[in-house]
């Protein structure tokens, strides 16, 4: 009996996650938790982008040609950074948590919920098989 997925190996005695190994008879419970990454820093980048764009439009409306292209380029850069930050802020990470007598340990995390659930099921099956 054994299952291997990448650098994760579950056999009759151990669950190995990369360089860490957990004895199956020492694992009390297996849990899956989800959390969202990022924060709202992207909002600040968006505000700076809008301010630079407004400054460039103001210079354009007043007939001042100096720095308009640079202001639009900086605005585009800030807005791009905000867009990428917003995408990252929407990422949901699923963590596989092993509860042992020493406390909780995060065994792995992934954005693929099904992968984490399949790994939890494999661990539970291996623990149950030990009796």
N, C-alpha and C. Protein backbone atom coordinates (compact mmCIF):
# COMPACT_ATOMS: atom_id res chain seq x y z
N UNK A 1 0.85 -1.18 0.00
CA UNK A 1 0.00 0.00 0.00
C UNK A 1 0.89 1.24 0.00
N UNK A 2 0.61 2.18 -0.84
CA UNK A 2 1.37 3.42 -0.87
C UNK A 2 0.86 4.33 -1.96
N UNK A 3 1.00 5.61 -1.74
CA UNK A 3 0.57 6.59 -2.73
C UNK A 3 1.65 7.65 -2.81
N UNK A 4 1.95 8.07 -4.04
CA UNK A 4 2.95 9.11 -4.25
C UNK A 4 2.39 10.14 -5.20
N UNK A 5 2.50 11.40 -4.80
CA UNK A 5 2.11 12.53 -5.64
C UNK A 5 3.23 13.56 -5.54
N UNK A 6 4.04 13.67 -6.59
CA UNK A 6 5.16 14.61 -6.55
C UNK A 6 6.12 14.26 -5.44
N UNK A 7 6.36 15.20 -4.53
CA UNK A 7 7.27 14.93 -3.41
C UNK A 7 6.51 14.52 -2.16
N UNK A 8 5.26 14.08 -2.32
CA UNK A 8 4.44 13.61 -1.20
C UNK A 8 4.27 12.11 -1.33
N UNK A 9 4.65 11.38 -0.28
CA UNK A 9 4.56 9.93 -0.29
C UNK A 9 3.83 9.49 0.97
N UNK A 10 2.81 8.65 0.79
CA UNK A 10 2.09 8.07 1.92
C UNK A 10 2.22 6.56 1.81
N UNK A 11 2.81 5.93 2.84
CA UNK A 11 2.91 4.47 2.84
C UNK A 11 2.28 3.93 4.13
N UNK A 12 2.59 2.69 4.50
CA UNK A 12 1.96 2.06 5.66
C UNK A 12 2.34 2.71 6.98
N UNK A 13 3.50 3.35 7.04
CA UNK A 13 4.00 3.86 8.30
C UNK A 13 4.16 5.37 8.36
N UNK A 14 4.45 6.00 7.22
CA UNK A 14 4.77 7.42 7.23
C UNK A 14 4.01 8.19 6.14
N UNK A 15 3.83 9.47 6.41
CA UNK A 15 3.39 10.43 5.41
C UNK A 15 4.55 11.40 5.24
N UNK A 16 5.10 11.44 4.03
CA UNK A 16 6.26 12.30 3.78
C UNK A 16 5.85 13.45 2.87
N UNK A 17 6.14 14.66 3.33
CA UNK A 17 5.84 15.88 2.58
C UNK A 17 7.17 16.58 2.34
N UNK A 18 7.79 16.29 1.21
CA UNK A 18 9.11 16.85 0.94
C UNK A 18 10.11 16.30 1.94
N UNK A 19 10.74 17.17 2.71
CA UNK A 19 11.76 16.73 3.66
C UNK A 19 11.19 16.39 5.03
N UNK A 20 9.88 16.60 5.25
CA UNK A 20 9.27 16.30 6.54
C UNK A 20 8.53 14.97 6.48
N UNK A 21 8.66 14.19 7.56
CA UNK A 21 7.96 12.92 7.67
C UNK A 21 7.13 12.91 8.94
N UNK A 22 5.94 12.34 8.85
CA UNK A 22 5.06 12.19 9.99
C UNK A 22 4.70 10.72 10.12
N UNK A 23 4.88 10.15 11.30
CA UNK A 23 4.48 8.77 11.55
C UNK A 23 2.95 8.74 11.59
N UNK A 24 2.35 7.82 10.84
CA UNK A 24 0.89 7.77 10.77
C UNK A 24 0.26 7.51 12.13
N UNK A 25 0.93 6.72 12.97
CA UNK A 25 0.34 6.44 14.29
C UNK A 25 0.43 7.63 15.24
N UNK A 26 1.12 8.70 14.85
CA UNK A 26 1.22 9.91 15.68
C UNK A 26 0.26 11.01 15.23
N UNK A 27 -0.40 10.79 14.10
CA UNK A 27 -1.35 11.79 13.58
C UNK A 27 -2.71 11.51 14.19
N UNK A 28 -3.25 12.52 14.90
CA UNK A 28 -4.57 12.37 15.55
C UNK A 28 -5.70 12.71 14.60
N UNK A 29 -5.61 13.85 13.95
CA UNK A 29 -6.65 14.27 13.01
C UNK A 29 -6.01 14.94 11.80
N UNK A 30 -6.78 14.97 10.72
CA UNK A 30 -6.36 15.61 9.49
C UNK A 30 -7.44 16.64 9.15
N UNK A 31 -7.02 17.86 8.87
CA UNK A 31 -7.97 18.95 8.62
C UNK A 31 -7.57 19.71 7.36
N UNK A 32 -8.57 20.26 6.68
CA UNK A 32 -8.32 21.13 5.53
C UNK A 32 -8.87 22.51 5.88
N UNK A 33 -8.02 23.51 5.75
CA UNK A 33 -8.42 24.89 6.02
C UNK A 33 -8.16 25.74 4.79
N UNK A 34 -8.94 26.77 4.65
CA UNK A 34 -8.78 27.68 3.51
C UNK A 34 -8.55 29.10 4.02
N UNK A 35 -7.69 29.82 3.32
CA UNK A 35 -7.50 31.24 3.64
C UNK A 35 -7.18 31.99 2.36
N UNK A 36 -7.55 33.26 2.37
CA UNK A 36 -7.34 34.14 1.23
C UNK A 36 -6.06 34.94 1.46
N UNK A 37 -5.24 35.05 0.43
CA UNK A 37 -3.98 35.78 0.57
C UNK A 37 -4.18 37.25 0.20
N UNK A 38 -3.13 37.97 0.45
CA UNK A 38 -3.10 39.37 0.03
C UNK A 38 -3.88 40.26 0.98
N UNK A 39 -3.94 41.48 0.61
CA UNK A 39 -4.65 42.46 1.42
C UNK A 39 -5.19 43.53 0.51
N UNK A 40 -5.07 44.75 0.97
CA UNK A 40 -5.63 45.86 0.20
C UNK A 40 -4.57 46.85 -0.27
N UNK A 41 -3.32 46.39 -0.31
CA UNK A 41 -2.24 47.26 -0.80
C UNK A 41 -2.49 47.65 -2.26
N UNK A 42 -3.17 46.77 -2.99
CA UNK A 42 -3.45 47.05 -4.39
C UNK A 42 -4.30 48.31 -4.54
N UNK A 43 -5.12 48.62 -3.53
CA UNK A 43 -5.96 49.83 -3.59
C UNK A 43 -5.08 51.08 -3.58
N UNK A 44 -4.02 51.05 -2.78
CA UNK A 44 -3.10 52.19 -2.73
C UNK A 44 -2.42 52.39 -4.08
N UNK A 45 -1.98 51.28 -4.70
CA UNK A 45 -1.36 51.39 -6.04
C UNK A 45 -2.36 51.94 -7.05
N UNK A 46 -3.62 51.53 -6.96
CA UNK A 46 -4.64 52.02 -7.89
C UNK A 46 -4.87 53.53 -7.69
N UNK A 47 -4.88 53.96 -6.45
CA UNK A 47 -5.07 55.39 -6.16
C UNK A 47 -3.92 56.20 -6.75
N UNK A 48 -2.67 55.72 -6.55
CA UNK A 48 -1.53 56.42 -7.14
C UNK A 48 -1.64 56.46 -8.67
N UNK A 49 -2.07 55.36 -9.26
CA UNK A 49 -2.23 55.32 -10.71
C UNK A 49 -3.25 56.33 -11.21
N UNK A 50 -4.37 56.39 -10.51
CA UNK A 50 -5.42 57.35 -10.89
C UNK A 50 -4.91 58.79 -10.71
N UNK A 51 -4.19 59.04 -9.63
CA UNK A 51 -3.67 60.40 -9.41
C UNK A 51 -2.70 60.82 -10.51
N UNK A 52 -1.80 59.92 -10.90
CA UNK A 52 -0.88 60.24 -11.99
C UNK A 52 -1.62 60.43 -13.31
N UNK A 53 -2.64 59.63 -13.55
CA UNK A 53 -3.43 59.79 -14.79
C UNK A 53 -4.16 61.13 -14.78
N UNK A 54 -4.72 61.51 -13.63
CA UNK A 54 -5.40 62.80 -13.54
C UNK A 54 -4.43 63.96 -13.71
N UNK A 55 -3.24 63.84 -13.17
CA UNK A 55 -2.23 64.88 -13.34
C UNK A 55 -1.85 65.02 -14.81
N UNK A 56 -1.70 63.91 -15.50
CA UNK A 56 -1.37 63.95 -16.92
C UNK A 56 -2.50 64.58 -17.72
N UNK A 57 -3.74 64.22 -17.39
CA UNK A 57 -4.89 64.82 -18.09
C UNK A 57 -4.99 66.32 -17.80
N UNK A 58 -4.69 66.71 -16.56
CA UNK A 58 -4.71 68.14 -16.21
C UNK A 58 -3.66 68.89 -16.99
N UNK A 59 -2.46 68.35 -17.11
CA UNK A 59 -1.41 69.00 -17.90
C UNK A 59 -1.80 69.08 -19.37
N UNK A 60 -2.43 68.02 -19.86
CA UNK A 60 -2.87 68.01 -21.27
C UNK A 60 -3.94 69.07 -21.50
N UNK A 61 -4.88 69.21 -20.57
CA UNK A 61 -5.96 70.18 -20.71
C UNK A 61 -5.44 71.61 -20.62
N UNK A 62 -4.39 71.83 -19.86
CA UNK A 62 -3.83 73.17 -19.70
C UNK A 62 -2.78 73.50 -20.75
N UNK A 63 -2.54 72.59 -21.66
CA UNK A 63 -1.59 72.84 -22.73
C UNK A 63 -0.14 72.66 -22.33
N UNK A 64 0.10 72.07 -21.19
CA UNK A 64 1.47 71.81 -20.76
C UNK A 64 1.88 70.44 -21.27
N UNK A 65 2.85 70.42 -22.14
CA UNK A 65 3.21 69.15 -22.75
C UNK A 65 4.33 68.44 -22.01
N UNK A 66 4.97 69.10 -21.11
CA UNK A 66 6.11 68.50 -20.40
C UNK A 66 5.67 67.45 -19.40
N UNK A 67 6.18 66.26 -19.54
CA UNK A 67 5.94 65.19 -18.57
C UNK A 67 4.64 64.44 -18.72
N UNK A 68 3.86 64.75 -19.76
CA UNK A 68 2.56 64.06 -19.93
C UNK A 68 2.79 62.58 -20.21
N UNK A 69 3.69 62.29 -21.13
CA UNK A 69 3.95 60.89 -21.48
C UNK A 69 4.50 60.13 -20.28
N UNK A 70 5.40 60.75 -19.54
CA UNK A 70 5.96 60.11 -18.36
C UNK A 70 4.88 59.87 -17.30
N UNK A 71 4.00 60.84 -17.09
CA UNK A 71 2.91 60.68 -16.12
C UNK A 71 1.98 59.55 -16.51
N UNK A 72 1.65 59.45 -17.80
CA UNK A 72 0.79 58.34 -18.27
C UNK A 72 1.50 57.00 -18.11
N UNK A 73 2.80 56.97 -18.36
CA UNK A 73 3.55 55.72 -18.21
C UNK A 73 3.59 55.29 -16.74
N UNK A 74 3.80 56.23 -15.86
CA UNK A 74 3.81 55.91 -14.42
C UNK A 74 2.42 55.47 -13.98
N UNK A 75 1.38 56.15 -14.47
CA UNK A 75 0.01 55.77 -14.14
C UNK A 75 -0.28 54.35 -14.61
N UNK A 76 0.14 54.03 -15.82
CA UNK A 76 -0.08 52.68 -16.36
C UNK A 76 0.66 51.64 -15.52
N UNK A 77 1.88 51.96 -15.10
CA UNK A 77 2.65 51.04 -14.27
C UNK A 77 1.94 50.81 -12.93
N UNK A 78 1.50 51.86 -12.27
CA UNK A 78 0.81 51.73 -10.98
C UNK A 78 -0.50 50.94 -11.14
N UNK A 79 -1.21 51.21 -12.20
CA UNK A 79 -2.48 50.50 -12.42
C UNK A 79 -2.23 49.03 -12.72
N UNK A 80 -1.16 48.72 -13.45
CA UNK A 80 -0.81 47.33 -13.70
C UNK A 80 -0.45 46.62 -12.39
N UNK A 81 0.34 47.28 -11.55
CA UNK A 81 0.70 46.70 -10.25
C UNK A 81 -0.56 46.47 -9.41
N UNK A 82 -1.48 47.41 -9.44
CA UNK A 82 -2.74 47.27 -8.69
C UNK A 82 -3.55 46.09 -9.21
N UNK A 83 -3.61 45.95 -10.53
CA UNK A 83 -4.36 44.85 -11.15
C UNK A 83 -3.78 43.50 -10.73
N UNK A 84 -2.44 43.38 -10.77
CA UNK A 84 -1.79 42.12 -10.36
C UNK A 84 -1.99 41.86 -8.86
N UNK A 85 -1.94 42.91 -8.06
CA UNK A 85 -2.17 42.77 -6.63
C UNK A 85 -3.60 42.34 -6.32
N UNK A 86 -4.54 42.83 -7.09
CA UNK A 86 -5.95 42.44 -6.92
C UNK A 86 -6.13 40.97 -7.25
N UNK A 87 -5.46 40.51 -8.30
CA UNK A 87 -5.55 39.09 -8.66
C UNK A 87 -4.99 38.23 -7.53
N UNK A 88 -3.87 38.63 -6.98
CA UNK A 88 -3.24 37.87 -5.91
C UNK A 88 -4.10 37.89 -4.66
N UNK A 89 -4.76 39.00 -4.39
CA UNK A 89 -5.62 39.11 -3.21
C UNK A 89 -6.81 38.16 -3.29
N UNK A 90 -7.17 37.72 -4.47
CA UNK A 90 -8.30 36.82 -4.63
C UNK A 90 -7.91 35.35 -4.61
N UNK A 91 -6.63 35.04 -4.40
CA UNK A 91 -6.18 33.66 -4.39
C UNK A 91 -6.58 32.99 -3.08
N UNK A 92 -7.20 31.83 -3.19
CA UNK A 92 -7.57 31.06 -2.00
C UNK A 92 -6.61 29.88 -1.90
N UNK A 93 -5.94 29.77 -0.76
CA UNK A 93 -5.02 28.68 -0.48
C UNK A 93 -5.70 27.68 0.43
N UNK A 94 -5.55 26.41 0.10
CA UNK A 94 -6.10 25.33 0.91
C UNK A 94 -4.93 24.63 1.59
N UNK A 95 -5.02 24.49 2.90
CA UNK A 95 -3.93 23.92 3.69
C UNK A 95 -4.35 22.58 4.26
N UNK A 96 -3.43 21.62 4.24
CA UNK A 96 -3.64 20.34 4.89
C UNK A 96 -2.94 20.42 6.24
N UNK A 97 -3.72 20.33 7.30
CA UNK A 97 -3.21 20.47 8.66
C UNK A 97 -3.27 19.10 9.35
N UNK A 98 -2.14 18.70 9.94
CA UNK A 98 -2.07 17.45 10.69
C UNK A 98 -2.00 17.80 12.17
N UNK A 99 -2.92 17.25 12.95
CA UNK A 99 -2.90 17.45 14.40
C UNK A 99 -2.19 16.26 15.03
N UNK A 100 -1.10 16.54 15.73
CA UNK A 100 -0.34 15.51 16.42
C UNK A 100 -0.30 15.87 17.91
N UNK A 101 0.31 15.02 18.70
CA UNK A 101 0.42 15.32 20.14
C UNK A 101 1.30 16.55 20.37
N UNK A 102 2.13 16.90 19.40
CA UNK A 102 2.98 18.09 19.52
C UNK A 102 2.30 19.36 19.05
N UNK A 103 1.09 19.25 18.53
CA UNK A 103 0.37 20.42 18.04
C UNK A 103 0.05 20.28 16.56
N UNK A 104 -0.51 21.33 16.00
CA UNK A 104 -0.88 21.34 14.58
C UNK A 104 0.33 21.65 13.72
N UNK A 105 0.38 20.98 12.56
CA UNK A 105 1.46 21.23 11.60
C UNK A 105 0.85 21.32 10.21
N UNK A 106 1.23 22.35 9.47
CA UNK A 106 0.78 22.47 8.09
C UNK A 106 1.64 21.56 7.24
N UNK A 107 1.04 20.54 6.68
CA UNK A 107 1.79 19.58 5.87
C UNK A 107 2.02 20.10 4.46
N UNK A 108 1.00 20.74 3.89
CA UNK A 108 1.13 21.29 2.54
C UNK A 108 0.03 22.30 2.32
N UNK A 109 0.20 23.10 1.26
CA UNK A 109 -0.85 24.02 0.84
C UNK A 109 -0.86 24.11 -0.66
N UNK A 110 -2.04 24.37 -1.20
CA UNK A 110 -2.20 24.43 -2.65
C UNK A 110 -3.42 25.28 -2.97
N UNK A 111 -3.45 25.80 -4.18
CA UNK A 111 -4.65 26.50 -4.64
C UNK A 111 -5.67 25.52 -5.19
N UNK A 112 -5.26 24.27 -5.36
CA UNK A 112 -6.14 23.22 -5.89
C UNK A 112 -6.85 22.51 -4.73
N UNK A 113 -8.11 22.85 -4.50
CA UNK A 113 -8.88 22.29 -3.41
C UNK A 113 -9.02 20.78 -3.53
N UNK A 114 -9.27 20.29 -4.73
CA UNK A 114 -9.45 18.85 -4.93
C UNK A 114 -8.18 18.07 -4.60
N UNK A 115 -7.02 18.61 -4.94
CA UNK A 115 -5.76 17.95 -4.62
C UNK A 115 -5.60 17.77 -3.12
N UNK A 116 -5.93 18.81 -2.35
CA UNK A 116 -5.80 18.74 -0.90
C UNK A 116 -6.81 17.75 -0.33
N UNK A 117 -8.04 17.74 -0.86
CA UNK A 117 -9.04 16.79 -0.38
C UNK A 117 -8.65 15.35 -0.68
N UNK A 118 -8.08 15.11 -1.87
CA UNK A 118 -7.63 13.76 -2.21
C UNK A 118 -6.49 13.31 -1.30
N UNK A 119 -5.61 14.22 -0.97
CA UNK A 119 -4.51 13.89 -0.08
C UNK A 119 -5.02 13.59 1.33
N UNK A 120 -6.00 14.37 1.78
CA UNK A 120 -6.60 14.10 3.09
C UNK A 120 -7.25 12.72 3.10
N UNK A 121 -7.99 12.37 2.03
CA UNK A 121 -8.63 11.06 1.96
C UNK A 121 -7.59 9.93 1.97
N UNK A 122 -6.48 10.13 1.27
CA UNK A 122 -5.43 9.11 1.25
C UNK A 122 -4.82 8.94 2.63
N UNK A 123 -4.61 10.04 3.33
CA UNK A 123 -4.07 9.97 4.69
C UNK A 123 -5.05 9.27 5.63
N UNK A 124 -6.31 9.62 5.54
CA UNK A 124 -7.31 9.00 6.40
C UNK A 124 -7.40 7.50 6.14
N UNK A 125 -7.31 7.11 4.87
CA UNK A 125 -7.35 5.69 4.50
C UNK A 125 -6.14 4.96 5.07
N UNK A 126 -4.96 5.57 4.97
CA UNK A 126 -3.74 4.94 5.49
C UNK A 126 -3.80 4.83 7.02
N UNK A 127 -4.32 5.87 7.69
CA UNK A 127 -4.42 5.83 9.15
C UNK A 127 -5.41 4.75 9.57
N UNK A 128 -6.55 4.66 8.88
CA UNK A 128 -7.56 3.65 9.22
C UNK A 128 -7.03 2.24 8.97
N UNK A 129 -6.21 2.06 7.95
CA UNK A 129 -5.67 0.74 7.63
C UNK A 129 -4.71 0.25 8.71
N UNK A 130 -4.10 1.19 9.43
CA UNK A 130 -3.17 0.82 10.50
C UNK A 130 -3.93 0.25 11.70
N UNK A 131 -5.18 0.67 11.83
CA UNK A 131 -6.02 0.11 12.90
C UNK A 131 -5.83 0.74 14.18
